[in-house]
Amino acid sequence: MIDRLEKGWRPGWVKGQGYIDPSAGVEERCIFKHFAAECIKNRTGIEERYRQDCVRELETCLNPRFGNCDIRSTEHLSKATVGAEDLLAPSGAGRGERP
């Protein structure tokens, strides 16, 4: 495909980040809480109890921290931003500590 584009990147394509169109704004389906809920909903071959557990963990642990993040953004979701969070501590307490 790059050969067809004369060895260049497609308009809006940022090397190392993918297609970025800042004028497009943020689509609801690209917001973490909507994307994650849809992924859980569409999982097949899992029991309903497990699905409910996943939704509970999403709402308790992940949505408060990442719910409004744009999943396409390397600024919102990166190794540094995700790694800085203790995802197992919904109350803010660390592992093994009482809330």
N, C-alpha and C. Protein backbone atom coordinates (compact mmCIF):
# COMPACT_ATOMS: atom_id res chain seq x y z
N MET A 1 0.83 -1.18 0.00
CA MET A 1 0.00 0.00 0.00
C MET A 1 0.88 1.25 0.00
N ILE A 2 1.99 1.23 0.72
CA ILE A 2 2.86 2.41 0.75
C ILE A 2 3.43 2.69 -0.63
N ASP A 3 3.68 1.61 -1.42
CA ASP A 3 4.16 1.81 -2.79
C ASP A 3 3.15 2.59 -3.61
N ARG A 4 1.86 2.28 -3.43
CA ARG A 4 0.82 3.01 -4.16
C ARG A 4 0.76 4.47 -3.72
N LEU A 5 1.16 4.75 -2.50
CA LEU A 5 1.11 6.13 -1.99
C LEU A 5 2.45 6.82 -2.13
N GLU A 6 3.26 6.32 -3.04
CA GLU A 6 4.56 6.92 -3.33
C GLU A 6 5.45 6.96 -2.10
N LYS A 7 5.52 5.84 -1.39
CA LYS A 7 6.38 5.66 -0.22
C LYS A 7 6.07 6.61 0.93
N GLY A 8 4.88 7.14 0.98
CA GLY A 8 4.49 8.05 2.06
C GLY A 8 3.41 7.44 2.92
N TRP A 9 3.08 8.14 3.98
CA TRP A 9 2.01 7.70 4.88
C TRP A 9 0.69 8.27 4.39
N ARG A 10 -0.38 7.55 4.68
CA ARG A 10 -1.71 8.05 4.34
C ARG A 10 -1.98 9.32 5.15
N PRO A 11 -2.79 10.22 4.63
CA PRO A 11 -3.14 11.43 5.40
C PRO A 11 -3.76 11.05 6.74
N GLY A 12 -3.29 11.65 7.81
CA GLY A 12 -3.80 11.36 9.14
C GLY A 12 -3.06 10.23 9.85
N TRP A 13 -2.16 9.53 9.15
CA TRP A 13 -1.43 8.41 9.74
C TRP A 13 -0.18 8.94 10.43
N VAL A 14 -0.01 8.59 11.70
CA VAL A 14 1.14 9.04 12.47
C VAL A 14 1.99 7.81 12.78
N LYS A 15 3.24 7.83 12.37
CA LYS A 15 4.12 6.69 12.58
C LYS A 15 4.19 6.34 14.07
N GLY A 16 3.98 5.08 14.39
CA GLY A 16 4.02 4.62 15.76
C GLY A 16 2.72 4.79 16.53
N GLN A 17 1.75 5.50 15.95
CA GLN A 17 0.49 5.73 16.64
C GLN A 17 -0.72 5.26 15.85
N GLY A 18 -0.62 5.19 14.53
CA GLY A 18 -1.75 4.78 13.72
C GLY A 18 -2.48 5.99 13.15
N TYR A 19 -3.72 5.77 12.77
CA TYR A 19 -4.51 6.84 12.16
C TYR A 19 -5.06 7.77 13.23
N ILE A 20 -4.68 9.01 13.16
CA ILE A 20 -5.13 10.03 14.11
C ILE A 20 -5.76 11.16 13.31
N ASP A 21 -7.02 11.43 13.57
CA ASP A 21 -7.70 12.54 12.92
C ASP A 21 -8.26 13.44 14.02
N PRO A 22 -7.50 14.44 14.44
CA PRO A 22 -7.94 15.28 15.55
C PRO A 22 -9.25 16.01 15.29
N SER A 23 -9.58 16.26 14.03
CA SER A 23 -10.81 16.97 13.74
C SER A 23 -12.04 16.07 13.90
N ALA A 24 -11.83 14.77 13.99
CA ALA A 24 -12.95 13.84 14.09
C ALA A 24 -13.60 13.88 15.47
N GLY A 25 -12.88 14.37 16.46
CA GLY A 25 -13.43 14.40 17.81
C GLY A 25 -13.43 13.00 18.42
N VAL A 26 -14.09 12.85 19.52
CA VAL A 26 -14.12 11.57 20.21
C VAL A 26 -15.48 10.90 19.97
N GLU A 27 -15.43 9.70 19.41
CA GLU A 27 -16.65 8.94 19.19
C GLU A 27 -16.97 8.17 20.47
N GLU A 28 -18.25 7.99 20.73
CA GLU A 28 -18.65 7.28 21.95
C GLU A 28 -18.08 5.86 21.98
N ARG A 29 -18.01 5.19 20.84
CA ARG A 29 -17.52 3.82 20.82
C ARG A 29 -16.03 3.73 21.11
N CYS A 30 -15.33 4.85 21.07
CA CYS A 30 -13.89 4.87 21.34
C CYS A 30 -13.58 5.32 22.76
N ILE A 31 -14.59 5.53 23.57
CA ILE A 31 -14.40 5.84 24.99
C ILE A 31 -14.27 4.52 25.73
N PHE A 32 -13.28 4.43 26.61
CA PHE A 32 -12.95 3.16 27.25
C PHE A 32 -14.15 2.46 27.87
N LYS A 33 -14.98 3.18 28.64
CA LYS A 33 -16.07 2.51 29.35
C LYS A 33 -17.07 1.89 28.38
N HIS A 34 -17.33 2.53 27.25
CA HIS A 34 -18.25 1.99 26.25
C HIS A 34 -17.61 0.81 25.50
N PHE A 35 -16.35 0.99 25.14
CA PHE A 35 -15.63 -0.06 24.41
C PHE A 35 -15.51 -1.33 25.25
N ALA A 36 -15.11 -1.18 26.53
CA ALA A 36 -14.93 -2.34 27.40
C ALA A 36 -16.26 -3.04 27.68
N ALA A 37 -17.31 -2.28 27.90
CA ALA A 37 -18.63 -2.88 28.15
C ALA A 37 -19.10 -3.67 26.92
N GLU A 38 -18.86 -3.13 25.75
CA GLU A 38 -19.25 -3.82 24.52
C GLU A 38 -18.43 -5.10 24.33
N CYS A 39 -17.15 -5.06 24.66
CA CYS A 39 -16.30 -6.26 24.56
C CYS A 39 -16.81 -7.36 25.48
N ILE A 40 -17.15 -7.00 26.70
CA ILE A 40 -17.66 -7.99 27.65
C ILE A 40 -19.00 -8.55 27.16
N LYS A 41 -19.85 -7.67 26.67
CA LYS A 41 -21.17 -8.09 26.18
C LYS A 41 -21.04 -9.08 25.02
N ASN A 42 -20.06 -8.87 24.16
CA ASN A 42 -19.91 -9.69 22.96
C ASN A 42 -19.08 -10.97 23.17
N ARG A 43 -18.56 -11.17 24.36
CA ARG A 43 -17.79 -12.39 24.62
C ARG A 43 -18.69 -13.61 24.49
N THR A 44 -18.19 -14.64 23.87
CA THR A 44 -18.96 -15.88 23.74
C THR A 44 -18.26 -16.98 24.50
N GLY A 45 -19.02 -18.02 24.86
CA GLY A 45 -18.45 -19.18 25.52
C GLY A 45 -18.13 -18.95 26.99
N ILE A 46 -18.74 -17.94 27.60
CA ILE A 46 -18.51 -17.71 29.03
C ILE A 46 -19.85 -17.78 29.75
N GLU A 47 -19.79 -18.14 31.01
CA GLU A 47 -21.02 -18.22 31.80
C GLU A 47 -21.48 -16.82 32.20
N GLU A 48 -22.76 -16.70 32.43
CA GLU A 48 -23.34 -15.40 32.79
C GLU A 48 -22.74 -14.86 34.08
N ARG A 49 -22.45 -15.74 35.03
CA ARG A 49 -21.85 -15.31 36.31
C ARG A 49 -20.49 -14.64 36.07
N TYR A 50 -19.68 -15.24 35.17
CA TYR A 50 -18.37 -14.67 34.85
C TYR A 50 -18.54 -13.31 34.16
N ARG A 51 -19.52 -13.22 33.28
CA ARG A 51 -19.79 -11.95 32.60
C ARG A 51 -20.15 -10.86 33.62
N GLN A 52 -20.99 -11.20 34.59
CA GLN A 52 -21.37 -10.25 35.64
C GLN A 52 -20.16 -9.84 36.48
N ASP A 53 -19.28 -10.81 36.76
CA ASP A 53 -18.06 -10.50 37.51
C ASP A 53 -17.18 -9.52 36.73
N CYS A 54 -17.07 -9.74 35.43
CA CYS A 54 -16.26 -8.85 34.59
C CYS A 54 -16.84 -7.43 34.58
N VAL A 55 -18.15 -7.33 34.46
CA VAL A 55 -18.81 -6.02 34.47
C VAL A 55 -18.59 -5.34 35.82
N ARG A 56 -18.70 -6.08 36.90
CA ARG A 56 -18.49 -5.51 38.24
C ARG A 56 -17.06 -4.98 38.39
N GLU A 57 -16.08 -5.77 37.95
CA GLU A 57 -14.68 -5.33 38.02
C GLU A 57 -14.45 -4.10 37.14
N LEU A 58 -15.07 -4.08 35.98
CA LEU A 58 -14.96 -2.93 35.09
C LEU A 58 -15.49 -1.67 35.77
N GLU A 59 -16.68 -1.78 36.36
CA GLU A 59 -17.31 -0.63 37.00
C GLU A 59 -16.60 -0.21 38.28
N THR A 60 -16.06 -1.18 39.01
CA THR A 60 -15.43 -0.88 40.29
C THR A 60 -13.99 -0.40 40.16
N CYS A 61 -13.22 -1.07 39.32
CA CYS A 61 -11.78 -0.81 39.28
C CYS A 61 -11.32 0.00 38.07
N LEU A 62 -11.85 -0.28 36.91
CA LEU A 62 -11.31 0.34 35.70
C LEU A 62 -12.00 1.63 35.27
N ASN A 63 -13.33 1.65 35.31
CA ASN A 63 -14.04 2.85 34.86
C ASN A 63 -13.70 4.10 35.68
N PRO A 64 -13.54 4.00 37.01
CA PRO A 64 -13.17 5.23 37.74
C PRO A 64 -11.84 5.83 37.28
N ARG A 65 -10.94 5.01 36.80
CA ARG A 65 -9.62 5.50 36.39
C ARG A 65 -9.53 5.79 34.90
N PHE A 66 -10.13 4.92 34.08
CA PHE A 66 -9.95 5.01 32.63
C PHE A 66 -11.25 5.19 31.85
N GLY A 67 -12.38 5.27 32.53
CA GLY A 67 -13.68 5.27 31.88
C GLY A 67 -13.85 6.30 30.78
N ASN A 68 -13.32 7.49 30.95
CA ASN A 68 -13.49 8.56 29.96
C ASN A 68 -12.30 8.71 29.03
N CYS A 69 -11.38 7.77 29.05
CA CYS A 69 -10.21 7.83 28.18
C CYS A 69 -10.58 7.41 26.76
N ASP A 70 -9.92 8.04 25.80
CA ASP A 70 -10.06 7.67 24.40
C ASP A 70 -9.11 6.50 24.15
N ILE A 71 -9.63 5.35 23.74
CA ILE A 71 -8.79 4.16 23.58
C ILE A 71 -7.79 4.31 22.44
N ARG A 72 -7.98 5.29 21.58
CA ARG A 72 -7.04 5.51 20.48
C ARG A 72 -5.88 6.40 20.89
N SER A 73 -5.94 6.99 22.06
CA SER A 73 -4.95 7.97 22.46
C SER A 73 -3.79 7.32 23.21
N THR A 74 -2.57 7.55 22.72
CA THR A 74 -1.40 7.06 23.43
C THR A 74 -1.10 7.94 24.64
N GLU A 75 -1.72 9.09 24.70
CA GLU A 75 -1.56 9.97 25.86
C GLU A 75 -2.44 9.48 27.01
N HIS A 76 -3.64 9.02 26.71
CA HIS A 76 -4.55 8.53 27.75
C HIS A 76 -4.18 7.15 28.24
N LEU A 77 -3.91 6.24 27.31
CA LEU A 77 -3.63 4.85 27.66
C LEU A 77 -2.26 4.47 27.11
N SER A 78 -1.31 4.36 27.99
CA SER A 78 0.04 3.95 27.61
C SER A 78 0.60 3.11 28.74
N LYS A 79 1.75 2.55 28.53
CA LYS A 79 2.39 1.74 29.57
C LYS A 79 2.62 2.59 30.82
N ALA A 80 2.96 3.83 30.64
CA ALA A 80 3.22 4.71 31.78
C ALA A 80 1.95 5.04 32.55
N THR A 81 0.86 5.36 31.85
CA THR A 81 -0.36 5.76 32.55
C THR A 81 -1.06 4.56 33.19
N VAL A 82 -1.09 3.43 32.50
CA VAL A 82 -1.73 2.24 33.04
C VAL A 82 -0.87 1.63 34.14
N GLY A 83 0.44 1.62 33.94
CA GLY A 83 1.35 1.04 34.94
C GLY A 83 1.41 1.83 36.23
N ALA A 84 1.03 3.08 36.19
CA ALA A 84 1.07 3.92 37.39
C ALA A 84 -0.10 3.65 38.32
N GLU A 85 -1.11 2.94 37.86
CA GLU A 85 -2.32 2.69 38.64
C GLU A 85 -2.26 1.33 39.32
N ASP A 86 -2.79 1.25 40.53
CA ASP A 86 -2.98 -0.03 41.21
C ASP A 86 -4.41 -0.46 40.91
N LEU A 87 -4.55 -1.28 39.87
CA LEU A 87 -5.88 -1.63 39.38
C LEU A 87 -6.66 -2.54 40.31
N LEU A 88 -5.99 -3.14 41.30
CA LEU A 88 -6.67 -4.05 42.21
C LEU A 88 -7.18 -3.35 43.45
N ALA A 89 -7.04 -2.06 43.53
CA ALA A 89 -7.42 -1.33 44.74
C ALA A 89 -8.53 -0.32 44.43
N PRO A 90 -9.78 -0.76 44.34
CA PRO A 90 -10.85 0.17 44.03
C PRO A 90 -11.05 1.25 45.07
N SER A 91 -10.68 0.97 46.32
CA SER A 91 -10.89 1.96 47.38
C SER A 91 -9.68 2.86 47.58
N GLY A 92 -8.61 2.60 46.83
CA GLY A 92 -7.41 3.39 47.00
C GLY A 92 -6.40 2.72 47.92
N ALA A 93 -6.79 1.65 48.60
CA ALA A 93 -5.86 0.92 49.45
C ALA A 93 -4.99 0.02 48.60
N GLY A 94 -3.77 -0.19 48.99
CA GLY A 94 -2.85 -1.07 48.26
C GLY A 94 -3.16 -2.52 48.57
N ARG A 95 -2.46 -3.41 47.94
CA ARG A 95 -2.65 -4.83 48.18
C ARG A 95 -2.35 -5.18 49.62
N GLY A 96 -3.22 -5.96 50.22
CA GLY A 96 -3.00 -6.41 51.58
C GLY A 96 -3.35 -5.40 52.65
N GLU A 97 -3.70 -4.19 52.27
CA GLU A 97 -4.06 -3.18 53.23
C GLU A 97 -5.56 -3.12 53.39
N ARG A 98 -6.00 -2.69 54.55
CA ARG A 98 -7.44 -2.51 54.75
C ARG A 98 -7.82 -1.14 54.21
N PRO A 99 -9.00 -1.04 53.56
CA PRO A 99 -9.43 0.26 53.05
C PRO A 99 -9.73 1.24 54.15
